[in-house]
């Protein structure tokens, strides 16, 4: 029997690409241990991002590559998908019960940002993460309707509030506290203060990711929010239409100014396929999201079609990922969520929770 060396295995693993990280397993630092027991090899991987829908394909690729090595008959893969906290803007305090915050933003309204946000939150959850969503759009909260949840949150101590839970997703929105038809006639400072309270006074329960559905635009409110609220990374939602891309570029520049990394771009309503004849048409133009991604050297995380079932789902409180988990649309959302989380996993870690706390007491 030929004896397989660790070096030979590492060289083989260096040829296996993680499609979400876009790096090989060795360069990405994913291989934590290799155990050789005769012709049986066990690989220990630390994923660093939720990937329940991808692990089987990765296992198949690893097994296929290692079994080409003479002397290897069996390959076993063990994965650790625990999520680490990542750094936020300098000078902004992180949250105790939230490891990572991902802002979903758009330069303008009407591009499907909130619909994308709720489905990406559910997609991260489906991939194995513990997720919450904060509806940061004080003027036009839409997450209560999209999640089919309208209950007033409970406040056990009169100071903090419990998040509502729908489809096992923790959520908070000003829409839970006011009537759906009540306009929020507030000025900027009041909006910022209200959002900080919604974020900080909610008893989030040990979240891996908190998705923040930001209000559309790039004005003073959005800039102030991004300066005061901890953000680990941002996702820009746009359509291929030129006018939407112009505003999406402003959103990207805004995050650059406040030192928030942009994880990538989601092109929504990229194409429409006729339900009657199957004809595909690019109603809002083609390739705009990819061109923007290339211009600003960020990732195009994925493209979503203009599909009536997505709209009907959120209008009726039945988001696509939750209600059609095995559909091609849900698979697309999950692929986008995996790629975004993978990009975040490559960012600097936040070690503040590991630092000792010094307390001065009078003897």
Protein backbone atom coordinates (compact mmCIF):
# COMPACT_ATOMS: atom_id res chain seq x y z
CA UNK A 1 0.00 0.00 0.00
CA UNK A 2 1.33 3.46 -0.93
CA UNK A 3 1.70 5.86 1.98
CA UNK A 4 0.03 9.19 1.32
CA UNK A 5 1.75 12.28 2.69
CA UNK A 6 0.05 15.35 4.12
CA UNK A 7 1.91 17.48 1.59
CA UNK A 8 0.40 15.48 -1.30
CA UNK A 9 -3.10 15.99 0.10
CA UNK A 10 -2.55 19.71 0.61
CA UNK A 11 -1.36 20.06 -2.98
CA UNK A 12 -4.55 18.32 -4.16
CA UNK A 13 -6.77 20.52 -1.95
CA UNK A 14 -5.06 23.58 -3.43
CA UNK A 15 -6.71 22.59 -6.71
CA UNK A 16 -10.22 22.61 -5.22
CA UNK A 17 -11.99 25.96 -5.47
CA UNK A 18 -14.62 27.30 -3.10
CA UNK A 19 -17.01 28.92 -5.59
CA UNK A 20 -18.30 31.40 -3.01
CA UNK A 21 -14.93 32.60 -1.75
CA UNK A 22 -13.45 32.29 -5.25
CA UNK A 23 -10.28 30.90 -3.68
CA UNK A 24 -8.81 27.44 -3.32
CA UNK A 25 -9.21 25.72 0.04
CA UNK A 26 -5.58 26.15 1.08
CA UNK A 27 -5.27 29.84 0.14
CA UNK A 28 -8.55 30.58 1.91
CA UNK A 29 -7.24 28.97 5.10
CA UNK A 30 -10.22 26.64 5.27
CA UNK A 31 -8.29 23.43 5.95
CA UNK A 32 -7.93 23.11 9.72
CA UNK A 33 -6.70 19.54 9.94
CA UNK A 34 -5.92 16.46 7.86
CA UNK A 35 -5.92 12.98 9.35
CA UNK A 36 -4.48 10.02 7.51
CA UNK A 37 -5.46 6.52 8.54
CA UNK A 38 -4.08 4.13 5.93
CA UNK A 39 -6.22 4.56 2.82
CA UNK A 40 -8.80 6.64 4.73
CA UNK A 41 -8.47 10.43 4.76
CA UNK A 42 -10.44 12.80 6.97
CA UNK A 43 -10.49 16.51 6.16
CA UNK A 44 -11.61 19.13 8.67
CA UNK A 45 -12.80 22.38 7.07
CA UNK A 46 -13.80 25.64 8.70
CA UNK A 47 -16.25 27.26 6.31
CA UNK A 48 -16.55 30.65 8.02
CA UNK A 49 -19.94 31.27 6.43
CA UNK A 50 -23.29 29.40 6.36
CA UNK A 51 -23.29 26.95 3.46
CA UNK A 52 -25.75 24.12 4.05
CA UNK A 53 -26.77 24.20 0.39
CA UNK A 54 -23.19 24.02 -0.86
CA UNK A 55 -21.41 21.54 1.43
CA UNK A 56 -22.51 18.43 -0.50
CA UNK A 57 -21.14 19.81 -3.78
CA UNK A 58 -17.90 20.78 -2.07
CA UNK A 59 -17.61 17.32 -0.49
CA UNK A 60 -18.07 15.74 -3.91
CA UNK A 61 -15.34 17.92 -5.43
CA UNK A 62 -12.90 17.15 -2.61
CA UNK A 63 -13.60 13.43 -2.74
CA UNK A 64 -13.23 13.33 -6.52
CA UNK A 65 -9.88 15.12 -6.38
CA UNK A 66 -8.38 13.14 -3.47
CA UNK A 67 -9.42 9.76 -4.83
CA UNK A 68 -7.23 10.38 -7.86
CA UNK A 69 -4.23 10.04 -5.54
CA UNK A 70 -2.92 6.45 -5.51
CA UNK A 71 -3.58 4.73 -2.21
CA UNK A 72 -6.63 6.78 -1.15
CA UNK A 73 -9.90 4.85 -1.14
CA UNK A 74 -12.14 6.72 1.31
CA UNK A 75 -12.53 10.45 2.01
CA UNK A 76 -14.47 11.91 4.91
CA UNK A 77 -15.24 15.59 5.30
CA UNK A 78 -16.17 17.36 8.53
CA UNK A 79 -17.17 21.03 8.33
CA UNK A 80 -17.43 23.73 10.96
CA UNK A 81 -19.81 26.49 9.87
CA UNK A 82 -19.58 28.61 13.02
CA UNK A 83 -19.75 32.34 12.24
CA UNK A 84 -17.28 34.87 13.59
CA UNK A 85 -17.90 38.57 14.24
CA UNK A 86 -16.36 41.01 11.77
CA UNK A 87 -15.17 44.56 12.19
CA UNK A 88 -17.46 47.57 11.72
CA UNK A 89 -16.70 51.25 11.09
CA UNK A 90 -14.06 52.85 13.28
CA UNK A 91 -15.52 54.60 16.31
CA UNK A 92 -18.84 52.74 16.17
CA UNK A 93 -19.67 50.36 19.00
CA UNK A 94 -20.62 46.78 18.11
CA UNK A 95 -23.66 45.02 19.56
CA UNK A 96 -23.38 42.35 22.23
CA UNK A 97 -25.84 39.84 20.78
CA UNK A 98 -25.23 40.47 17.08
CA UNK A 99 -22.08 39.18 15.41
CA UNK A 100 -22.52 40.83 12.02
CA UNK A 101 -24.75 43.50 10.53
CA UNK A 102 -25.35 43.63 6.79
CA UNK A 103 -27.02 46.72 5.31
CA UNK A 104 -29.17 46.19 2.23
CA UNK A 105 -29.42 49.49 0.40
CA UNK A 106 -30.42 51.12 -2.86
CA UNK A 107 -29.83 54.54 -4.31
CA UNK A 108 -33.51 54.93 -5.11
CA UNK A 109 -36.87 53.37 -4.32
CA UNK A 110 -38.76 50.90 -6.44
CA UNK A 111 -35.93 48.49 -7.20
CA UNK A 112 -37.13 45.72 -4.86
CA UNK A 113 -34.69 46.38 -2.01
CA UNK A 114 -37.01 45.34 0.85
CA UNK A 115 -38.16 42.24 -1.02
CA UNK A 116 -34.53 41.30 -1.61
CA UNK A 117 -33.62 42.03 2.03
CA UNK A 118 -36.25 39.76 3.56
CA UNK A 119 -35.55 36.91 1.15
CA UNK A 120 -31.79 37.17 1.73
CA UNK A 121 -32.37 37.07 5.49
CA UNK A 122 -34.46 33.92 5.09
CA UNK A 123 -31.85 32.50 2.71
CA UNK A 124 -29.05 32.95 5.26
CA UNK A 125 -31.27 31.24 7.80
CA UNK A 126 -31.91 28.36 5.40
CA UNK A 127 -28.14 28.02 4.99
CA UNK A 128 -27.78 27.44 8.73
CA UNK A 129 -27.29 30.87 10.32
CA UNK A 130 -29.25 32.55 13.09
CA UNK A 131 -30.69 35.69 11.50
CA UNK A 132 -32.72 38.78 12.28
CA UNK A 133 -33.96 41.69 10.18
CA UNK A 134 -34.28 45.35 11.16
CA UNK A 135 -36.67 47.46 9.12
CA UNK A 136 -34.67 50.71 9.09
CA UNK A 137 -37.10 52.50 6.79
CA UNK A 138 -38.94 54.62 9.36
CA UNK A 139 -40.99 56.54 6.78
CA UNK A 140 -42.08 53.49 4.79
CA UNK A 141 -41.78 50.29 6.85
CA UNK A 142 -42.68 47.27 4.75
CA UNK A 143 -41.26 44.27 6.60
CA UNK A 144 -44.37 43.70 8.80
CA UNK A 145 -46.47 43.13 5.68
CA UNK A 146 -43.78 41.12 3.91
CA UNK A 147 -43.37 38.83 6.92
CA UNK A 148 -47.11 38.64 7.58
CA UNK A 149 -46.49 39.78 11.14
CA UNK A 150 -48.35 42.69 12.76
CA UNK A 151 -48.24 41.89 16.48
CA UNK A 152 -47.12 44.63 18.85
CA UNK A 153 -43.78 43.59 20.40
CA UNK A 154 -43.69 42.68 24.07
CA UNK A 155 -41.69 44.66 26.63
CA UNK A 156 -41.10 42.56 29.78
CA UNK A 157 -39.30 45.32 31.69
CA UNK A 158 -40.81 48.42 30.11
CA UNK A 159 -37.39 49.42 28.73
CA UNK A 160 -36.42 46.83 26.15
CA UNK A 161 -38.57 45.07 23.57
CA UNK A 162 -38.68 41.53 22.27
CA UNK A 163 -38.33 41.03 18.52
CA UNK A 164 -41.27 39.56 16.67
CA UNK A 165 -40.61 36.14 15.17
CA UNK A 166 -41.99 35.05 11.81
CA UNK A 167 -40.73 32.04 9.84
CA UNK A 168 -38.22 31.68 12.75
CA UNK A 169 -36.75 35.03 11.69
CA UNK A 170 -36.36 37.69 14.40
CA UNK A 171 -37.56 41.11 13.25
CA UNK A 172 -38.15 44.64 14.43
CA UNK A 173 -39.85 47.55 12.67
CA UNK A 174 -41.49 50.86 13.54
CA UNK A 175 -44.42 49.32 11.68
CA UNK A 176 -45.02 47.05 14.68
CA UNK A 177 -45.51 50.09 16.92
CA UNK A 178 -47.76 52.30 14.78
CA UNK A 179 -50.76 51.75 12.56
CA UNK A 180 -49.89 50.74 8.99
CA UNK A 181 -51.61 53.84 7.59
CA UNK A 182 -50.08 56.30 10.08
CA UNK A 183 -47.53 58.59 8.38
CA UNK A 184 -44.27 59.20 10.26
CA UNK A 185 -43.97 62.99 10.00
CA UNK A 186 -40.54 63.22 11.65
CA UNK A 187 -37.43 65.19 10.89
CA UNK A 188 -34.03 63.59 10.37
CA UNK A 189 -32.72 63.65 13.99
CA UNK A 190 -35.93 62.04 15.26
CA UNK A 191 -35.67 59.30 12.63
CA UNK A 192 -32.05 58.58 13.56
CA UNK A 193 -32.87 58.50 17.27
CA UNK A 194 -35.84 56.19 16.70
CA UNK A 195 -33.77 53.79 14.65
CA UNK A 196 -30.97 53.70 17.21
CA UNK A 197 -33.56 52.81 19.83
CA UNK A 198 -35.13 50.11 17.68
CA UNK A 199 -31.71 48.60 17.13
CA UNK A 200 -30.27 48.95 20.62
CA UNK A 201 -33.37 48.34 22.75
CA UNK A 202 -34.41 45.14 20.97
CA UNK A 203 -33.45 41.93 22.75
CA UNK A 204 -31.90 40.21 19.74
CA UNK A 205 -31.11 36.60 20.57
CA UNK A 206 -27.49 35.70 19.64
CA UNK A 207 -27.65 36.52 15.95
CA UNK A 208 -25.01 35.53 13.42
CA UNK A 209 -26.38 38.16 11.03
CA UNK A 210 -28.71 41.11 11.37
CA UNK A 211 -29.98 42.28 7.99
CA UNK A 212 -30.78 46.01 7.96
CA UNK A 213 -33.28 47.10 5.33
CA UNK A 214 -32.13 50.71 4.89
CA UNK A 215 -34.38 53.47 3.53
CA UNK A 216 -33.79 54.23 -0.16
CA UNK A 217 -31.58 57.14 -1.15
CA UNK A 218 -28.25 58.63 -0.11
CA UNK A 219 -29.28 61.72 1.82
CA UNK A 220 -28.47 63.00 5.28
CA UNK A 221 -30.57 60.35 7.04
CA UNK A 222 -28.83 57.44 5.29
CA UNK A 223 -25.39 58.93 5.87
CA UNK A 224 -26.08 59.59 9.56
CA UNK A 225 -27.40 56.06 10.04
CA UNK A 226 -24.28 54.58 8.48
CA UNK A 227 -22.08 56.71 10.73
CA UNK A 228 -23.85 55.80 13.96
CA UNK A 229 -25.03 52.22 13.47
CA UNK A 230 -22.51 49.34 13.29
CA UNK A 231 -22.32 47.86 9.79
CA UNK A 232 -20.07 44.91 8.88
CA UNK A 233 -20.82 45.06 5.16
CA UNK A 234 -23.32 46.35 2.62
CA UNK A 235 -25.24 44.95 -0.34
CA UNK A 236 -26.43 47.28 -3.10
CA UNK A 237 -29.70 46.38 -4.87
CA UNK A 238 -30.36 47.83 -8.31
CA UNK A 239 -32.10 47.09 -11.57
CA UNK A 240 -30.28 47.05 -14.93
CA UNK A 241 -31.97 50.35 -15.84
CA UNK A 242 -29.53 53.24 -16.37
CA UNK A 243 -31.41 55.62 -14.07
CA UNK A 244 -31.36 53.07 -11.24
CA UNK A 245 -27.66 52.37 -11.78
CA UNK A 246 -26.85 56.09 -11.49
CA UNK A 247 -28.36 56.15 -8.00
CA UNK A 248 -26.89 52.78 -7.07
CA UNK A 249 -23.42 54.21 -7.74
CA UNK A 250 -24.18 57.01 -5.27
CA UNK A 251 -25.11 54.41 -2.67
CA UNK A 252 -21.85 52.59 -3.24
CA UNK A 253 -19.88 55.84 -2.87
CA UNK A 254 -21.74 56.60 0.37
CA UNK A 255 -20.56 53.35 1.93
CA UNK A 256 -17.03 54.07 0.79
CA UNK A 257 -17.13 57.44 2.61
CA UNK A 258 -18.13 55.82 5.90
CA UNK A 259 -15.61 52.95 5.45
CA UNK A 260 -18.21 50.19 5.11
CA UNK A 261 -17.12 47.41 2.71
CA UNK A 262 -19.54 46.72 -0.13
CA UNK A 263 -19.94 42.93 -0.34
CA UNK A 264 -21.48 43.12 -3.77
CA UNK A 265 -24.35 44.10 -6.03
CA UNK A 266 -27.65 42.30 -6.57
CA UNK A 267 -29.28 42.98 -9.92
CA UNK A 268 -33.03 42.70 -9.41
CA UNK A 269 -35.65 42.41 -12.17
CA UNK A 270 -32.83 41.52 -14.55
CA UNK A 271 -35.04 39.63 -16.99
CA UNK A 272 -38.65 38.62 -17.51
CA UNK A 273 -39.83 35.28 -18.85
CA UNK A 274 -43.38 35.25 -20.18
CA UNK A 275 -45.51 32.77 -18.26
CA UNK A 276 -47.54 32.08 -21.42
CA UNK A 277 -44.97 31.62 -24.17
CA UNK A 278 -41.63 31.42 -22.36
CA UNK A 279 -40.13 34.38 -24.22
CA UNK A 280 -37.33 36.09 -22.28
CA UNK A 281 -37.07 39.85 -22.41
CA UNK A 282 -34.76 42.34 -20.67
CA UNK A 283 -37.40 44.93 -19.83
CA UNK A 284 -35.08 47.21 -17.84
CA UNK A 285 -31.99 46.70 -19.96
CA UNK A 286 -29.25 44.08 -19.81
CA UNK A 287 -25.88 43.79 -18.12
CA UNK A 288 -26.04 47.02 -16.12
CA UNK A 289 -25.30 45.38 -12.79
CA UNK A 290 -22.29 43.50 -14.16
CA UNK A 291 -20.89 46.65 -15.78
CA UNK A 292 -21.23 48.54 -12.50
CA UNK A 293 -19.58 45.72 -10.59
CA UNK A 294 -16.65 45.69 -12.99
CA UNK A 295 -16.32 49.47 -12.95
CA UNK A 296 -16.09 49.66 -9.15
CA UNK A 297 -14.30 46.33 -8.67
CA UNK A 298 -17.00 44.76 -6.51
CA UNK A 299 -18.78 41.44 -6.94
CA UNK A 300 -22.02 40.89 -8.80
CA UNK A 301 -23.57 38.57 -6.22
CA UNK A 302 -26.34 37.44 -8.53
CA UNK A 303 -29.31 38.40 -10.67
CA UNK A 304 -32.99 37.94 -9.91
CA UNK A 305 -35.81 37.82 -12.47
CA UNK A 306 -38.95 39.93 -12.60
CA UNK A 307 -41.31 37.22 -11.38
CA UNK A 308 -44.92 37.63 -10.30
CA UNK A 309 -44.61 34.99 -7.57
CA UNK A 310 -41.95 37.07 -5.75
CA UNK A 311 -44.25 40.10 -5.70
CA UNK A 312 -47.32 38.10 -4.69
CA UNK A 313 -45.35 36.39 -1.93
CA UNK A 314 -44.25 39.52 -0.09
CA UNK A 315 -47.57 41.29 -0.65
CA UNK A 316 -49.29 38.42 1.17
CA UNK A 317 -46.72 37.90 3.92
CA UNK A 318 -45.38 34.72 2.31
CA UNK A 319 -41.81 35.39 1.12
CA UNK A 320 -40.49 33.16 -1.64
CA UNK A 321 -37.61 31.57 0.28
CA UNK A 322 -39.89 30.58 3.16
CA UNK A 323 -42.87 29.39 1.13
CA UNK A 324 -41.13 27.90 -1.92
CA UNK A 325 -37.89 26.57 -0.39
CA UNK A 326 -37.23 24.09 -3.22
CA UNK A 327 -37.93 26.49 -6.08
CA UNK A 328 -35.30 27.84 -8.51
CA UNK A 329 -35.99 31.33 -7.14
CA UNK A 330 -35.19 30.25 -3.58
CA UNK A 331 -32.02 28.56 -4.85
CA UNK A 332 -30.96 31.87 -6.45
CA UNK A 333 -31.54 33.81 -3.24
CA UNK A 334 -29.57 31.21 -1.28
CA UNK A 335 -26.68 31.34 -3.75
CA UNK A 336 -26.56 35.13 -3.40
CA UNK A 337 -26.72 34.89 0.40
CA UNK A 338 -23.87 32.34 0.50
CA UNK A 339 -21.68 34.48 -1.70
CA UNK A 340 -22.32 37.64 0.33
CA UNK A 341 -21.59 35.84 3.61
CA UNK A 342 -18.46 34.30 2.11
CA UNK A 343 -17.21 37.74 1.06
CA UNK A 344 -17.82 39.01 4.58
CA UNK A 345 -15.91 36.06 6.05
CA UNK A 346 -12.77 37.33 4.31
CA UNK A 347 -13.00 40.72 6.05
CA UNK A 348 -11.18 41.67 9.25
CA UNK A 349 -12.45 39.95 12.38
CA UNK A 350 -13.78 41.79 15.42
CA UNK A 351 -11.96 40.69 18.57
CA UNK A 352 -13.44 43.26 20.96
CA UNK A 353 -15.57 40.64 22.72
CA UNK A 354 -12.40 38.70 23.56
CA UNK A 355 -10.63 41.64 25.22
CA UNK A 356 -10.61 41.62 29.03
CA UNK A 357 -12.76 44.27 30.69
CA UNK A 358 -10.97 46.25 33.40
CA UNK A 359 -13.13 47.34 36.32
CA UNK A 360 -11.82 49.77 38.92
CA UNK A 361 -13.32 49.30 42.37
CA UNK A 362 -12.71 51.09 45.65
CA UNK A 363 -10.92 48.75 48.04
